[in-house]
Amino acid sequence: GTFHHQVVGKKTWRIRPTEELREMCDAWDIALKNSYVCVVEEGDVFVINTRLWWHRTEIPGVNTVEVDGDNHASGILCDNVSISY
C-alpha cells in the first residue's frame, strides 16, 4: 500500500474502486459507492492501496508539505517529499 502523511496544509483525495476491488467486494458481499472524497489535513496519515483505487488529488490553497511512500516487503520507502507555496 501507499501512505501519505500531511505535514502542513491539506489535500483532497478523490478515489474510486478499480474493477478488481469491486469484484473482491462483491465476492464478500460488501457494497461500495462509485466514488469517495477524503480530505487529509495537517497531521493526518492516509493509507491507500493505489493498485486497487483509482485516485486523483487536489491541493487547495498554498503552503502544504507532504511525505508519500510505499510499504514494500523490505520496509517503508519514502519516495516523494513535496512542498508547495
Protein backbone atom coordinates (compact mmCIF):
# COMPACT_ATOMS: atom_id res chain seq x y z
CA GLY A 1 0.00 0.00 0.00
CA THR A 2 0.88 3.66 -0.12
CA PHE A 3 0.87 6.11 2.76
CA HIS A 4 0.52 9.86 2.72
CA HIS A 5 1.49 11.98 5.77
CA GLN A 6 0.17 15.53 5.54
CA VAL A 7 2.71 17.62 7.44
CA VAL A 8 1.27 21.09 6.73
CA GLY A 9 -1.88 22.22 4.94
CA LYS A 10 -4.40 19.82 3.46
CA LYS A 11 -5.00 17.69 0.39
CA THR A 12 -8.21 16.33 -1.12
CA TRP A 13 -8.18 12.77 -2.48
CA ARG A 14 -10.90 11.73 -4.91
CA ILE A 15 -10.90 7.94 -5.12
CA ARG A 16 -12.96 5.27 -6.84
CA PRO A 17 -12.61 1.50 -6.74
CA THR A 18 -10.99 -0.42 -9.59
CA GLU A 19 -12.86 -3.30 -11.21
CA GLU A 20 -10.57 -5.71 -9.33
CA LEU A 21 -11.63 -4.22 -5.98
CA ARG A 22 -15.31 -4.28 -6.99
CA GLU A 23 -15.06 -7.98 -7.82
CA MET A 24 -13.36 -8.73 -4.48
CA CYS A 25 -16.01 -6.80 -2.55
CA ASP A 26 -18.86 -8.43 -4.49
CA ALA A 27 -17.46 -11.84 -3.51
CA TRP A 28 -17.56 -10.78 0.17
CA ASP A 29 -20.98 -9.08 -0.22
CA ILE A 30 -19.52 -5.65 0.59
CA ALA A 31 -21.20 -2.67 -1.08
CA LEU A 32 -19.04 0.14 -2.45
CA LYS A 33 -20.01 3.62 -3.55
CA ASN A 34 -18.94 4.77 -7.00
CA SER A 35 -16.54 7.32 -5.52
CA TYR A 36 -15.32 8.85 -2.27
CA VAL A 37 -13.81 12.19 -1.24
CA CYS A 38 -11.21 12.16 1.53
CA VAL A 39 -9.77 15.40 2.93
CA VAL A 40 -6.39 14.86 4.57
CA GLU A 41 -5.47 17.63 6.99
CA GLU A 42 -2.32 18.63 8.84
CA GLY A 43 -1.04 15.72 10.93
CA ASP A 44 -3.18 13.07 9.20
CA VAL A 45 -1.79 9.86 7.73
CA PHE A 46 -3.79 8.43 4.82
CA VAL A 47 -3.12 4.81 3.82
CA ILE A 48 -4.44 3.58 0.47
CA ASN A 49 -3.72 0.68 -1.85
CA THR A 50 -3.29 2.63 -5.08
CA ARG A 51 -3.34 -0.64 -7.03
CA LEU A 52 -7.00 -1.11 -6.02
CA TRP A 53 -8.20 2.51 -6.01
CA TRP A 54 -8.16 4.96 -8.91
CA HIS A 55 -7.28 8.34 -7.47
CA ARG A 56 -6.56 11.97 -8.12
CA THR A 57 -5.56 14.68 -5.69
CA GLU A 58 -6.14 18.39 -5.27
CA ILE A 59 -4.18 20.79 -3.11
CA PRO A 60 -6.43 23.71 -2.20
CA GLY A 61 -4.68 26.98 -1.39
CA VAL A 62 -0.99 27.12 -0.65
CA ASN A 63 1.63 26.18 1.94
CA THR A 64 1.50 22.39 2.03
CA VAL A 65 4.15 19.86 2.98
CA GLU A 66 3.57 16.15 2.49
CA VAL A 67 5.51 12.89 2.57
CA ASP A 68 4.42 9.94 0.42
CA GLY A 69 5.78 6.42 0.35
CA ASP A 70 5.13 2.79 -0.39
CA ASN A 71 5.14 -0.12 2.01
CA HIS A 72 7.37 -2.76 0.43
CA ALA A 73 8.28 -6.19 1.79
CA SER A 74 11.66 -4.80 2.82
CA GLY A 75 10.09 -1.91 4.75
CA ILE A 76 8.72 1.55 4.04
CA LEU A 77 10.23 3.52 1.18
CA CYS A 78 9.71 7.27 1.17
CA ASP A 79 9.69 8.21 -2.46
CA ASN A 80 8.22 11.70 -2.55
CA VAL A 81 8.51 14.80 -0.43
CA SER A 82 6.90 17.91 -1.82
CA ILE A 83 6.48 21.48 -0.64
CA SER A 84 4.03 23.88 -2.30
CA TYR A 85 3.92 27.64 -1.72
